[in-house]
Amino acid sequence: MITKKDLIMDIIKQKPDAHKIMVEFGLHCIGCGGAAYESLEDGAKAHGLTDKQIKEEVDNINKLK
């Protein structure tokens, strides 16, 4: 199970299709150098997502197989 505090690249390693959900929320993190050291929450906040949107994003990612 991932959390908003997990690093973006760690999330992608655990759930490779998570990048599709991130893109739906306006995060094109897979190509960003910050993905290796930035948490999902930090990246999402930098792109203007609300706490509610971040929770929805995490919930959607956790539904992936």
N, C-alpha and C. Protein backbone atom coordinates (compact mmCIF):
# COMPACT_ATOMS: atom_id res chain seq x y z
N MET A 1 0.84 -1.17 0.00
CA MET A 1 0.00 0.00 0.00
C MET A 1 0.89 1.24 0.00
N ILE A 2 0.59 2.14 -0.90
CA ILE A 2 1.38 3.37 -0.96
C ILE A 2 0.67 4.47 -0.17
N THR A 3 1.46 5.48 0.19
CA THR A 3 0.91 6.65 0.88
C THR A 3 1.38 7.90 0.14
N LYS A 4 0.82 9.02 0.51
CA LYS A 4 1.21 10.28 -0.11
C LYS A 4 2.65 10.67 0.22
N LYS A 5 3.21 10.05 1.24
CA LYS A 5 4.58 10.36 1.66
C LYS A 5 5.63 9.55 0.90
N ASP A 6 5.20 8.54 0.12
CA ASP A 6 6.13 7.72 -0.64
C ASP A 6 6.73 8.52 -1.80
N LEU A 7 7.99 8.21 -2.12
CA LEU A 7 8.64 8.85 -3.24
C LEU A 7 7.98 8.42 -4.55
N ILE A 8 7.89 9.33 -5.47
CA ILE A 8 7.21 9.07 -6.73
C ILE A 8 7.83 7.87 -7.45
N MET A 9 9.15 7.81 -7.55
CA MET A 9 9.79 6.70 -8.25
C MET A 9 9.57 5.37 -7.53
N ASP A 10 9.50 5.39 -6.21
CA ASP A 10 9.21 4.17 -5.46
C ASP A 10 7.80 3.67 -5.78
N ILE A 11 6.87 4.61 -5.92
CA ILE A 11 5.49 4.25 -6.28
C ILE A 11 5.46 3.60 -7.66
N ILE A 12 6.17 4.21 -8.61
CA ILE A 12 6.22 3.68 -9.98
C ILE A 12 6.83 2.28 -9.99
N LYS A 13 7.85 2.06 -9.17
CA LYS A 13 8.47 0.74 -9.10
C LYS A 13 7.50 -0.30 -8.55
N GLN A 14 6.72 0.08 -7.54
CA GLN A 14 5.76 -0.84 -6.93
C GLN A 14 4.55 -1.09 -7.81
N LYS A 15 4.09 -0.03 -8.45
CA LYS A 15 2.86 -0.10 -9.26
C LYS A 15 3.12 0.67 -10.57
N PRO A 16 3.69 -0.02 -11.57
CA PRO A 16 4.08 0.66 -12.80
C PRO A 16 2.96 1.43 -13.50
N ASP A 17 1.72 1.00 -13.36
CA ASP A 17 0.62 1.72 -14.01
C ASP A 17 0.20 2.97 -13.24
N ALA A 18 0.82 3.23 -12.11
CA ALA A 18 0.48 4.42 -11.32
C ALA A 18 0.72 5.71 -12.11
N HIS A 19 1.68 5.67 -13.03
CA HIS A 19 1.95 6.89 -13.82
C HIS A 19 0.73 7.33 -14.62
N LYS A 20 -0.11 6.38 -15.03
CA LYS A 20 -1.32 6.74 -15.78
C LYS A 20 -2.27 7.56 -14.91
N ILE A 21 -2.39 7.18 -13.65
CA ILE A 21 -3.24 7.91 -12.72
C ILE A 21 -2.63 9.28 -12.42
N MET A 22 -1.32 9.30 -12.25
CA MET A 22 -0.65 10.58 -11.99
C MET A 22 -0.90 11.55 -13.13
N VAL A 23 -0.83 11.07 -14.36
CA VAL A 23 -1.07 11.94 -15.52
C VAL A 23 -2.50 12.46 -15.51
N GLU A 24 -3.46 11.62 -15.12
CA GLU A 24 -4.85 12.05 -15.04
C GLU A 24 -5.02 13.23 -14.06
N PHE A 25 -4.15 13.27 -13.05
CA PHE A 25 -4.20 14.35 -12.05
C PHE A 25 -3.26 15.50 -12.41
N GLY A 26 -2.69 15.46 -13.63
CA GLY A 26 -1.84 16.55 -14.08
C GLY A 26 -0.39 16.44 -13.70
N LEU A 27 0.03 15.27 -13.21
CA LEU A 27 1.42 15.06 -12.82
C LEU A 27 2.11 14.21 -13.87
N HIS A 28 3.08 14.78 -14.53
CA HIS A 28 3.84 14.06 -15.55
C HIS A 28 5.21 13.72 -14.96
N CYS A 29 5.17 13.11 -13.80
CA CYS A 29 6.34 12.91 -12.95
C CYS A 29 7.37 11.93 -13.49
N ILE A 30 6.94 11.02 -14.32
CA ILE A 30 7.84 9.96 -14.76
C ILE A 30 9.07 10.54 -15.46
N GLY A 31 8.93 11.67 -16.12
CA GLY A 31 10.05 12.28 -16.82
C GLY A 31 10.76 13.36 -16.03
N CYS A 32 10.33 13.59 -14.83
CA CYS A 32 10.88 14.68 -14.01
C CYS A 32 12.03 14.18 -13.15
N GLY A 33 13.11 14.95 -13.09
CA GLY A 33 14.25 14.58 -12.25
C GLY A 33 13.91 14.54 -10.77
N GLY A 34 12.89 15.30 -10.37
CA GLY A 34 12.49 15.34 -8.98
C GLY A 34 11.79 14.08 -8.50
N ALA A 35 11.37 13.24 -9.43
CA ALA A 35 10.62 12.03 -9.08
C ALA A 35 11.42 11.08 -8.19
N ALA A 36 12.74 11.17 -8.26
CA ALA A 36 13.58 10.27 -7.47
C ALA A 36 13.66 10.67 -6.00
N TYR A 37 13.38 11.93 -5.72
CA TYR A 37 13.52 12.39 -4.33
C TYR A 37 12.29 13.13 -3.79
N GLU A 38 11.25 13.25 -4.61
CA GLU A 38 10.07 13.99 -4.20
C GLU A 38 8.92 13.03 -3.87
N SER A 39 8.23 13.32 -2.78
CA SER A 39 7.08 12.49 -2.42
C SER A 39 5.91 12.82 -3.34
N LEU A 40 4.96 11.91 -3.39
CA LEU A 40 3.76 12.15 -4.18
C LEU A 40 3.06 13.41 -3.69
N GLU A 41 2.98 13.57 -2.39
CA GLU A 41 2.33 14.76 -1.83
C GLU A 41 3.05 16.04 -2.26
N ASP A 42 4.37 16.05 -2.16
CA ASP A 42 5.14 17.24 -2.54
C ASP A 42 4.93 17.58 -4.02
N GLY A 43 4.99 16.56 -4.87
CA GLY A 43 4.78 16.78 -6.30
C GLY A 43 3.38 17.29 -6.60
N ALA A 44 2.40 16.68 -5.93
CA ALA A 44 1.01 17.07 -6.15
C ALA A 44 0.76 18.50 -5.69
N LYS A 45 1.30 18.85 -4.53
CA LYS A 45 1.14 20.22 -4.01
C LYS A 45 1.81 21.23 -4.93
N ALA A 46 2.97 20.86 -5.49
CA ALA A 46 3.67 21.75 -6.41
C ALA A 46 2.86 22.01 -7.67
N HIS A 47 1.97 21.07 -7.99
CA HIS A 47 1.12 21.21 -9.17
C HIS A 47 -0.28 21.71 -8.82
N GLY A 48 -0.46 22.14 -7.55
CA GLY A 48 -1.71 22.78 -7.16
C GLY A 48 -2.84 21.86 -6.74
N LEU A 49 -2.55 20.58 -6.51
CA LEU A 49 -3.61 19.67 -6.08
C LEU A 49 -3.96 19.92 -4.62
N THR A 50 -5.22 19.71 -4.30
CA THR A 50 -5.71 19.86 -2.93
C THR A 50 -5.48 18.57 -2.16
N ASP A 51 -5.63 18.63 -0.85
CA ASP A 51 -5.51 17.43 -0.03
C ASP A 51 -6.54 16.37 -0.45
N LYS A 52 -7.73 16.82 -0.80
CA LYS A 52 -8.78 15.90 -1.24
C LYS A 52 -8.37 15.20 -2.54
N GLN A 53 -7.82 15.96 -3.47
CA GLN A 53 -7.38 15.37 -4.74
C GLN A 53 -6.22 14.40 -4.53
N ILE A 54 -5.32 14.74 -3.64
CA ILE A 54 -4.19 13.85 -3.34
C ILE A 54 -4.69 12.54 -2.75
N LYS A 55 -5.66 12.62 -1.84
CA LYS A 55 -6.23 11.40 -1.26
C LYS A 55 -6.87 10.55 -2.34
N GLU A 56 -7.62 11.18 -3.24
CA GLU A 56 -8.26 10.45 -4.33
C GLU A 56 -7.22 9.78 -5.22
N GLU A 57 -6.14 10.49 -5.50
CA GLU A 57 -5.06 9.94 -6.32
C GLU A 57 -4.44 8.72 -5.65
N VAL A 58 -4.11 8.84 -4.38
CA VAL A 58 -3.53 7.72 -3.63
C VAL A 58 -4.51 6.54 -3.60
N ASP A 59 -5.78 6.81 -3.34
CA ASP A 59 -6.78 5.74 -3.31
C ASP A 59 -6.85 5.02 -4.66
N ASN A 60 -6.83 5.79 -5.75
CA ASN A 60 -6.88 5.19 -7.08
C ASN A 60 -5.63 4.35 -7.38
N ILE A 61 -4.48 4.83 -6.97
CA ILE A 61 -3.24 4.08 -7.17
C ILE A 61 -3.28 2.78 -6.37
N ASN A 62 -3.79 2.84 -5.15
CA ASN A 62 -3.83 1.64 -4.31
C ASN A 62 -4.83 0.60 -4.83
N LYS A 63 -5.74 1.00 -5.70
CA LYS A 63 -6.67 0.04 -6.30
C LYS A 63 -6.03 -0.77 -7.42
N LEU A 64 -4.88 -0.30 -7.91
CA LEU A 64 -4.18 -1.01 -8.98
C LEU A 64 -3.65 -2.34 -8.46
N LYS A 65 -3.58 -3.30 -9.36
CA LYS A 65 -3.01 -4.62 -9.00
C LYS A 65 -1.52 -4.55 -8.93
